[in-house]
């Protein structure tokens, strides 16, 4: 059995091509949608839940993201605080509603009390996260 002298080079080429393709997919996924992990906690019940939120600036309802987690009851979210768990240095998130709630999180302020430790019903609340320097914080 004779092995062609080009066989090792061909095998090395295919092995390298496969590795490069995996790295590209990872980079594409990472750049496609940066995500921030935000935790809502209810200090009175002891419940908390981490959820990944896209850092694309889009407004999303708290209920649609946390409505099925430990901080929710019948789809309504109740929390006392919010915390950034996984984020970039230029990440910023805002939790807000149409009334009184306006909680801001960023790399310098990673935790915030929503209403002085009181449980807040986040039925009509939203979150928006950004991953760039040119926002409000």
N, C-alpha and C. Protein backbone atom coordinates (compact mmCIF):
# COMPACT_ATOMS: atom_id res chain seq x y z
N UNK A 1 0.85 -1.16 0.00
CA UNK A 1 0.00 0.00 0.00
C UNK A 1 0.90 1.23 0.00
N UNK A 2 0.71 2.03 -0.97
CA UNK A 2 1.52 3.21 -1.15
C UNK A 2 0.70 4.47 -0.85
N UNK A 3 1.23 5.34 0.00
CA UNK A 3 0.53 6.57 0.34
C UNK A 3 1.14 7.69 -0.49
N UNK A 4 0.29 8.38 -1.14
CA UNK A 4 0.71 9.51 -1.95
C UNK A 4 1.31 10.58 -1.04
N UNK A 5 2.34 11.24 -1.49
CA UNK A 5 3.01 12.28 -0.70
C UNK A 5 2.08 13.46 -0.41
N UNK A 6 1.06 13.66 -1.20
CA UNK A 6 0.12 14.76 -0.99
C UNK A 6 -0.97 14.45 0.04
N UNK A 7 -1.11 13.18 0.41
CA UNK A 7 -2.17 12.78 1.32
C UNK A 7 -2.12 13.54 2.66
N UNK A 8 -0.96 13.65 3.32
CA UNK A 8 -0.94 14.41 4.58
C UNK A 8 -1.35 15.86 4.40
N UNK A 9 -0.97 16.48 3.29
CA UNK A 9 -1.33 17.87 3.04
C UNK A 9 -2.83 18.02 2.80
N UNK A 10 -3.39 17.07 2.08
CA UNK A 10 -4.84 17.10 1.82
C UNK A 10 -5.61 16.93 3.14
N UNK A 11 -5.17 15.97 3.97
CA UNK A 11 -5.83 15.78 5.27
C UNK A 11 -5.69 17.01 6.15
N UNK A 12 -4.54 17.61 6.17
CA UNK A 12 -4.33 18.83 6.96
C UNK A 12 -5.22 19.96 6.46
N UNK A 13 -5.37 20.08 5.16
CA UNK A 13 -6.23 21.11 4.58
C UNK A 13 -7.67 20.94 5.06
N UNK A 14 -8.19 19.71 4.94
CA UNK A 14 -9.58 19.48 5.36
C UNK A 14 -9.77 19.69 6.86
N UNK A 15 -8.80 19.28 7.66
CA UNK A 15 -8.90 19.48 9.11
C UNK A 15 -8.89 20.97 9.45
N UNK A 16 -8.04 21.73 8.80
CA UNK A 16 -7.95 23.17 9.05
C UNK A 16 -9.20 23.89 8.58
N UNK A 17 -9.72 23.50 7.44
CA UNK A 17 -10.94 24.11 6.92
C UNK A 17 -12.10 23.88 7.87
N UNK A 18 -12.22 22.70 8.42
CA UNK A 18 -13.29 22.41 9.38
C UNK A 18 -13.18 23.25 10.63
N UNK A 19 -11.98 23.43 11.16
CA UNK A 19 -11.79 24.25 12.35
C UNK A 19 -12.09 25.71 12.08
N UNK A 20 -11.65 26.19 10.95
CA UNK A 20 -11.90 27.59 10.60
C UNK A 20 -13.39 27.85 10.47
N UNK A 21 -14.13 26.89 9.92
CA UNK A 21 -15.56 27.05 9.75
C UNK A 21 -16.26 27.14 11.10
N UNK A 22 -15.84 26.30 12.07
CA UNK A 22 -16.44 26.36 13.41
C UNK A 22 -16.19 27.71 14.07
N UNK A 23 -14.99 28.24 13.94
CA UNK A 23 -14.70 29.53 14.53
C UNK A 23 -15.55 30.62 13.90
N UNK A 24 -15.74 30.55 12.60
CA UNK A 24 -16.53 31.56 11.91
C UNK A 24 -17.99 31.52 12.39
N UNK A 25 -18.53 30.32 12.55
CA UNK A 25 -19.90 30.21 13.05
C UNK A 25 -20.02 30.83 14.44
N UNK A 26 -19.05 30.57 15.30
CA UNK A 26 -19.08 31.16 16.64
C UNK A 26 -19.03 32.68 16.56
N UNK A 27 -18.13 33.21 15.75
CA UNK A 27 -18.03 34.66 15.61
C UNK A 27 -19.30 35.24 15.02
N UNK A 28 -19.87 34.55 14.03
CA UNK A 28 -21.12 35.03 13.43
C UNK A 28 -22.24 35.05 14.46
N UNK A 29 -22.35 33.98 15.27
CA UNK A 29 -23.38 33.93 16.29
C UNK A 29 -23.18 35.04 17.31
N UNK A 30 -21.94 35.25 17.72
CA UNK A 30 -21.66 36.26 18.73
C UNK A 30 -21.98 37.65 18.20
N UNK A 31 -21.63 37.93 16.97
CA UNK A 31 -21.88 39.24 16.39
C UNK A 31 -23.32 39.40 15.95
N UNK A 32 -23.99 38.28 15.68
CA UNK A 32 -25.35 38.35 15.17
C UNK A 32 -26.28 38.95 16.21
N UNK A 33 -26.12 38.56 17.47
CA UNK A 33 -27.00 39.09 18.51
C UNK A 33 -26.28 39.04 19.84
N UNK A 34 -25.77 40.16 20.31
CA UNK A 34 -25.17 40.20 21.63
C UNK A 34 -26.29 40.09 22.65
N UNK A 35 -26.04 39.28 23.66
CA UNK A 35 -27.04 39.09 24.70
C UNK A 35 -26.50 39.52 26.05
N UNK A 36 -27.39 39.99 26.87
CA UNK A 36 -27.10 40.39 28.24
C UNK A 36 -27.92 39.47 29.14
N UNK A 37 -27.34 39.01 30.23
CA UNK A 37 -28.11 38.23 31.19
C UNK A 37 -28.51 39.15 32.33
N UNK A 38 -29.82 39.23 32.55
CA UNK A 38 -30.37 40.10 33.59
C UNK A 38 -31.12 39.22 34.59
N UNK A 39 -30.90 39.49 35.86
CA UNK A 39 -31.60 38.77 36.91
C UNK A 39 -32.63 39.69 37.56
N UNK A 40 -33.84 39.19 37.69
CA UNK A 40 -34.86 39.84 38.52
C UNK A 40 -34.97 39.01 39.79
N UNK A 41 -35.07 39.70 40.92
CA UNK A 41 -35.18 39.01 42.21
C UNK A 41 -36.34 39.57 43.01
N UNK A 42 -36.96 38.69 43.78
CA UNK A 42 -38.01 39.07 44.71
C UNK A 42 -37.49 38.72 46.10
N UNK A 43 -36.98 39.71 46.81
CA UNK A 43 -36.36 39.47 48.11
C UNK A 43 -37.36 39.00 49.16
N UNK A 44 -38.63 39.29 49.00
CA UNK A 44 -39.63 38.85 49.97
C UNK A 44 -39.92 37.36 49.84
N UNK A 45 -39.94 36.85 48.60
CA UNK A 45 -40.20 35.42 48.41
C UNK A 45 -38.92 34.61 48.31
N UNK A 46 -37.81 35.27 48.03
CA UNK A 46 -36.54 34.57 47.85
C UNK A 46 -36.32 34.07 46.43
N UNK A 47 -37.27 34.33 45.56
CA UNK A 47 -37.16 33.87 44.17
C UNK A 47 -36.29 34.80 43.34
N UNK A 48 -35.62 34.23 42.36
CA UNK A 48 -34.90 35.04 41.37
C UNK A 48 -34.81 34.25 40.08
N UNK A 49 -34.57 34.95 38.98
CA UNK A 49 -34.49 34.29 37.69
C UNK A 49 -33.60 35.09 36.75
N UNK A 50 -32.70 34.39 36.09
CA UNK A 50 -31.82 34.98 35.08
C UNK A 50 -32.42 34.73 33.70
N UNK A 51 -32.43 35.77 32.88
CA UNK A 51 -32.94 35.66 31.51
C UNK A 51 -31.98 36.38 30.57
N UNK A 52 -31.75 35.78 29.40
CA UNK A 52 -30.93 36.43 28.38
C UNK A 52 -31.80 37.41 27.60
N UNK A 53 -31.29 38.63 27.47
CA UNK A 53 -32.01 39.70 26.77
C UNK A 53 -31.12 40.18 25.63
N UNK A 54 -31.63 40.21 24.40
CA UNK A 54 -30.82 40.74 23.30
C UNK A 54 -30.46 42.20 23.55
N UNK A 55 -29.22 42.55 23.28
CA UNK A 55 -28.75 43.93 23.48
C UNK A 55 -28.84 44.69 22.17
N UNK A 56 -30.07 44.81 21.67
CA UNK A 56 -30.29 45.44 20.37
C UNK A 56 -31.12 46.72 20.47
N UNK A 57 -31.43 47.15 21.70
CA UNK A 57 -32.18 48.39 21.88
C UNK A 57 -33.68 48.24 21.75
N UNK A 58 -34.16 47.04 21.43
CA UNK A 58 -35.60 46.84 21.27
C UNK A 58 -36.29 46.72 22.63
N UNK A 59 -37.44 47.33 22.76
CA UNK A 59 -38.27 47.28 23.96
C UNK A 59 -38.99 45.93 24.00
N UNK A 60 -38.86 45.19 25.12
CA UNK A 60 -39.51 43.89 25.27
C UNK A 60 -40.26 43.86 26.60
N UNK A 61 -41.40 43.20 26.61
CA UNK A 61 -42.19 43.16 27.84
C UNK A 61 -41.51 42.23 28.86
N UNK A 62 -41.56 42.64 30.11
CA UNK A 62 -41.00 41.83 31.20
C UNK A 62 -41.75 40.50 31.27
N UNK A 63 -43.06 40.54 31.09
CA UNK A 63 -43.86 39.32 31.15
C UNK A 63 -43.47 38.30 30.10
N UNK A 64 -43.13 38.76 28.90
CA UNK A 64 -42.77 37.81 27.85
C UNK A 64 -41.42 37.14 28.12
N UNK A 65 -40.56 37.81 28.88
CA UNK A 65 -39.24 37.24 29.18
C UNK A 65 -39.20 36.48 30.51
N UNK A 66 -39.83 37.00 31.55
CA UNK A 66 -39.77 36.38 32.88
C UNK A 66 -41.10 35.76 33.31
N UNK A 67 -42.13 35.82 32.50
CA UNK A 67 -43.47 35.37 32.88
C UNK A 67 -43.60 33.89 33.22
N UNK A 68 -42.65 33.10 32.85
CA UNK A 68 -42.67 31.66 33.11
C UNK A 68 -41.65 31.25 34.17
N UNK A 69 -40.99 32.21 34.80
CA UNK A 69 -39.90 31.91 35.73
C UNK A 69 -40.39 31.93 37.19
N UNK A 70 -39.45 31.74 38.10
CA UNK A 70 -39.76 31.67 39.54
C UNK A 70 -40.24 33.00 40.11
N UNK A 71 -39.99 34.12 39.43
CA UNK A 71 -40.43 35.43 39.94
C UNK A 71 -41.83 35.80 39.44
N UNK A 72 -42.49 34.87 38.77
CA UNK A 72 -43.82 35.14 38.21
C UNK A 72 -44.88 34.28 38.89
N UNK A 73 -46.06 34.84 38.94
CA UNK A 73 -47.24 34.09 39.40
C UNK A 73 -48.34 34.33 38.39
N UNK A 74 -48.83 33.26 37.78
CA UNK A 74 -49.86 33.35 36.75
C UNK A 74 -49.44 34.28 35.62
N UNK A 75 -48.17 34.27 35.27
CA UNK A 75 -47.66 35.07 34.15
C UNK A 75 -47.31 36.50 34.49
N UNK A 76 -47.60 36.94 35.72
CA UNK A 76 -47.28 38.30 36.14
C UNK A 76 -46.01 38.26 36.99
N UNK A 77 -45.07 39.14 36.66
CA UNK A 77 -43.76 39.15 37.33
C UNK A 77 -43.79 40.12 38.51
N UNK A 78 -43.25 39.65 39.64
CA UNK A 78 -43.12 40.45 40.85
C UNK A 78 -41.65 40.46 41.26
N UNK A 79 -41.06 41.63 41.39
CA UNK A 79 -39.64 41.72 41.72
C UNK A 79 -39.35 42.92 42.60
N UNK A 80 -38.24 42.84 43.34
CA UNK A 80 -37.79 43.95 44.16
C UNK A 80 -36.51 44.59 43.61
N UNK A 81 -35.75 43.82 42.82
CA UNK A 81 -34.49 44.34 42.29
C UNK A 81 -34.14 43.69 40.97
N UNK A 82 -33.17 44.32 40.29
CA UNK A 82 -32.65 43.80 39.03
C UNK A 82 -31.13 43.88 39.07
N UNK A 83 -30.50 42.96 38.36
CA UNK A 83 -29.04 42.92 38.36
C UNK A 83 -28.53 42.42 37.01
N UNK A 84 -27.48 43.07 36.52
CA UNK A 84 -26.78 42.56 35.34
C UNK A 84 -25.89 41.41 35.80
N UNK A 85 -26.00 40.28 35.13
CA UNK A 85 -25.22 39.11 35.51
C UNK A 85 -24.10 38.85 34.49
N UNK A 86 -24.43 38.93 33.22
CA UNK A 86 -23.44 38.74 32.15
C UNK A 86 -23.61 39.90 31.18
N UNK A 87 -22.52 40.64 30.95
CA UNK A 87 -22.64 41.86 30.15
C UNK A 87 -21.27 42.29 29.67
N UNK A 88 -21.25 43.21 28.73
CA UNK A 88 -20.02 43.83 28.23
C UNK A 88 -19.83 45.16 28.95
N UNK A 89 -18.66 45.74 28.83
CA UNK A 89 -18.37 47.00 29.52
C UNK A 89 -19.22 48.17 29.00
N UNK A 90 -19.73 48.06 27.78
CA UNK A 90 -20.55 49.15 27.24
C UNK A 90 -22.04 48.80 27.22
N UNK A 91 -22.43 47.82 28.03
CA UNK A 91 -23.82 47.40 28.11
C UNK A 91 -24.63 48.36 28.99
N UNK A 92 -25.85 48.60 28.60
CA UNK A 92 -26.79 49.37 29.42
C UNK A 92 -28.18 48.78 29.23
N UNK A 93 -28.93 48.68 30.32
CA UNK A 93 -30.31 48.21 30.26
C UNK A 93 -31.19 49.18 31.05
N UNK A 94 -32.43 49.27 30.63
CA UNK A 94 -33.40 50.11 31.31
C UNK A 94 -34.69 49.31 31.49
N UNK A 95 -35.20 49.29 32.71
CA UNK A 95 -36.49 48.66 33.01
C UNK A 95 -37.44 49.80 33.33
N UNK A 96 -38.57 49.84 32.62
CA UNK A 96 -39.45 51.00 32.74
C UNK A 96 -40.91 50.63 32.47
N UNK A 97 -41.79 51.51 32.88
CA UNK A 97 -43.21 51.42 32.54
C UNK A 97 -43.72 52.82 32.26
N UNK A 98 -45.01 52.95 32.09
CA UNK A 98 -45.59 54.26 31.76
C UNK A 98 -45.86 55.13 32.99
N UNK A 99 -45.56 54.62 34.17
CA UNK A 99 -45.95 55.34 35.37
C UNK A 99 -44.75 55.86 36.16
N UNK A 100 -44.17 55.04 37.00
CA UNK A 100 -43.13 55.51 37.93
C UNK A 100 -41.81 54.76 37.80
N UNK A 101 -41.80 53.64 37.15
CA UNK A 101 -40.62 52.79 37.13
C UNK A 101 -39.63 53.23 36.05
N UNK A 102 -38.40 53.46 36.45
CA UNK A 102 -37.33 53.79 35.51
C UNK A 102 -36.00 53.38 36.13
N UNK A 103 -35.67 52.10 36.02
CA UNK A 103 -34.46 51.56 36.62
C UNK A 103 -33.40 51.37 35.54
N UNK A 104 -32.21 51.89 35.80
CA UNK A 104 -31.12 51.83 34.83
C UNK A 104 -29.98 50.97 35.36
N UNK A 105 -29.45 50.14 34.48
CA UNK A 105 -28.32 49.28 34.80
C UNK A 105 -27.22 49.49 33.77
N UNK A 106 -25.98 49.42 34.21
CA UNK A 106 -24.85 49.47 33.28
C UNK A 106 -23.64 48.83 33.97
N UNK A 107 -22.49 48.88 33.32
CA UNK A 107 -21.29 48.22 33.86
C UNK A 107 -20.83 48.85 35.17
N UNK A 108 -21.18 50.08 35.43
CA UNK A 108 -20.82 50.74 36.69
C UNK A 108 -21.87 50.56 37.76
N UNK A 109 -23.13 50.41 37.37
CA UNK A 109 -24.23 50.17 38.31
C UNK A 109 -24.91 48.88 37.89
N UNK A 110 -24.45 47.76 38.43
CA UNK A 110 -24.93 46.45 37.98
C UNK A 110 -26.13 45.95 38.77
N UNK A 111 -26.53 46.65 39.83
CA UNK A 111 -27.68 46.26 40.65
C UNK A 111 -28.53 47.49 40.93
N UNK A 112 -29.85 47.30 40.96
CA UNK A 112 -30.73 48.41 41.28
C UNK A 112 -31.97 47.88 42.02
N UNK A 113 -32.38 48.62 43.04
CA UNK A 113 -33.63 48.35 43.73
C UNK A 113 -34.74 48.99 42.90
N UNK A 114 -35.82 48.26 42.65
CA UNK A 114 -36.87 48.79 41.77
C UNK A 114 -37.73 49.85 42.47
N UNK A 115 -38.01 49.67 43.76
CA UNK A 115 -38.83 50.66 44.48
C UNK A 115 -38.51 50.59 45.97
N UNK A 116 -37.26 50.83 46.30
CA UNK A 116 -36.86 50.85 47.71
C UNK A 116 -37.05 49.55 48.45
N UNK A 117 -37.00 48.42 47.77
CA UNK A 117 -37.15 47.13 48.42
C UNK A 117 -38.56 46.59 48.41
N UNK A 118 -39.53 47.40 48.01
CA UNK A 118 -40.92 46.93 47.93
C UNK A 118 -41.09 46.05 46.69
N UNK A 119 -42.00 45.11 46.78
CA UNK A 119 -42.29 44.25 45.63
C UNK A 119 -43.04 45.07 44.59
N UNK A 120 -42.58 45.01 43.36
CA UNK A 120 -43.19 45.74 42.26
C UNK A 120 -43.84 44.75 41.30
N UNK A 121 -45.08 45.01 40.96
CA UNK A 121 -45.80 44.21 39.97
C UNK A 121 -45.41 44.75 38.59
N UNK A 122 -44.73 43.93 37.81
CA UNK A 122 -44.19 44.37 36.53
C UNK A 122 -45.08 43.96 35.36
N UNK A 123 -46.39 44.09 35.57
CA UNK A 123 -47.36 43.67 34.55
C UNK A 123 -47.21 44.46 33.26
N UNK A 124 -47.04 45.76 33.35
CA UNK A 124 -46.94 46.61 32.16
C UNK A 124 -45.55 47.20 31.99
N UNK A 125 -44.54 46.47 32.45
CA UNK A 125 -43.16 46.97 32.39
C UNK A 125 -42.42 46.37 31.20
N UNK A 126 -41.37 47.07 30.82
CA UNK A 126 -40.55 46.67 29.67
C UNK A 126 -39.08 46.74 30.04
N UNK A 127 -38.27 46.08 29.21
CA UNK A 127 -36.82 46.18 29.33
C UNK A 127 -36.25 46.43 27.94
N UNK A 128 -35.23 47.26 27.89
CA UNK A 128 -34.48 47.49 26.66
C UNK A 128 -33.01 47.48 27.04
N UNK A 129 -32.22 46.71 26.31
CA UNK A 129 -30.77 46.65 26.57
C UNK A 129 -30.01 47.06 25.32
N UNK A 130 -28.90 47.72 25.56
CA UNK A 130 -28.06 48.26 24.50
C UNK A 130 -26.64 47.77 24.73
N UNK A 131 -25.89 47.65 23.67
CA UNK A 131 -24.51 47.20 23.77
C UNK A 131 -23.60 48.17 23.02
N UNK A 132 -23.69 49.44 23.37
CA UNK A 132 -22.84 50.45 22.73
C UNK A 132 -22.74 51.67 23.63
N UNK A 133 -21.83 52.56 23.30
CA UNK A 133 -21.54 53.70 24.16
C UNK A 133 -22.47 54.89 24.00
N UNK A 134 -23.26 54.95 22.96
CA UNK A 134 -23.95 56.19 22.67
C UNK A 134 -25.40 56.22 23.15
N UNK A 135 -25.67 55.61 24.30
CA UNK A 135 -27.02 55.68 24.83
C UNK A 135 -27.04 56.57 26.06
N UNK A 136 -28.05 56.49 26.89
CA UNK A 136 -28.35 57.43 27.94
C UNK A 136 -27.47 57.35 29.17
N UNK A 137 -26.72 56.33 29.41
CA UNK A 137 -26.06 56.20 30.72
C UNK A 137 -24.79 56.96 30.84
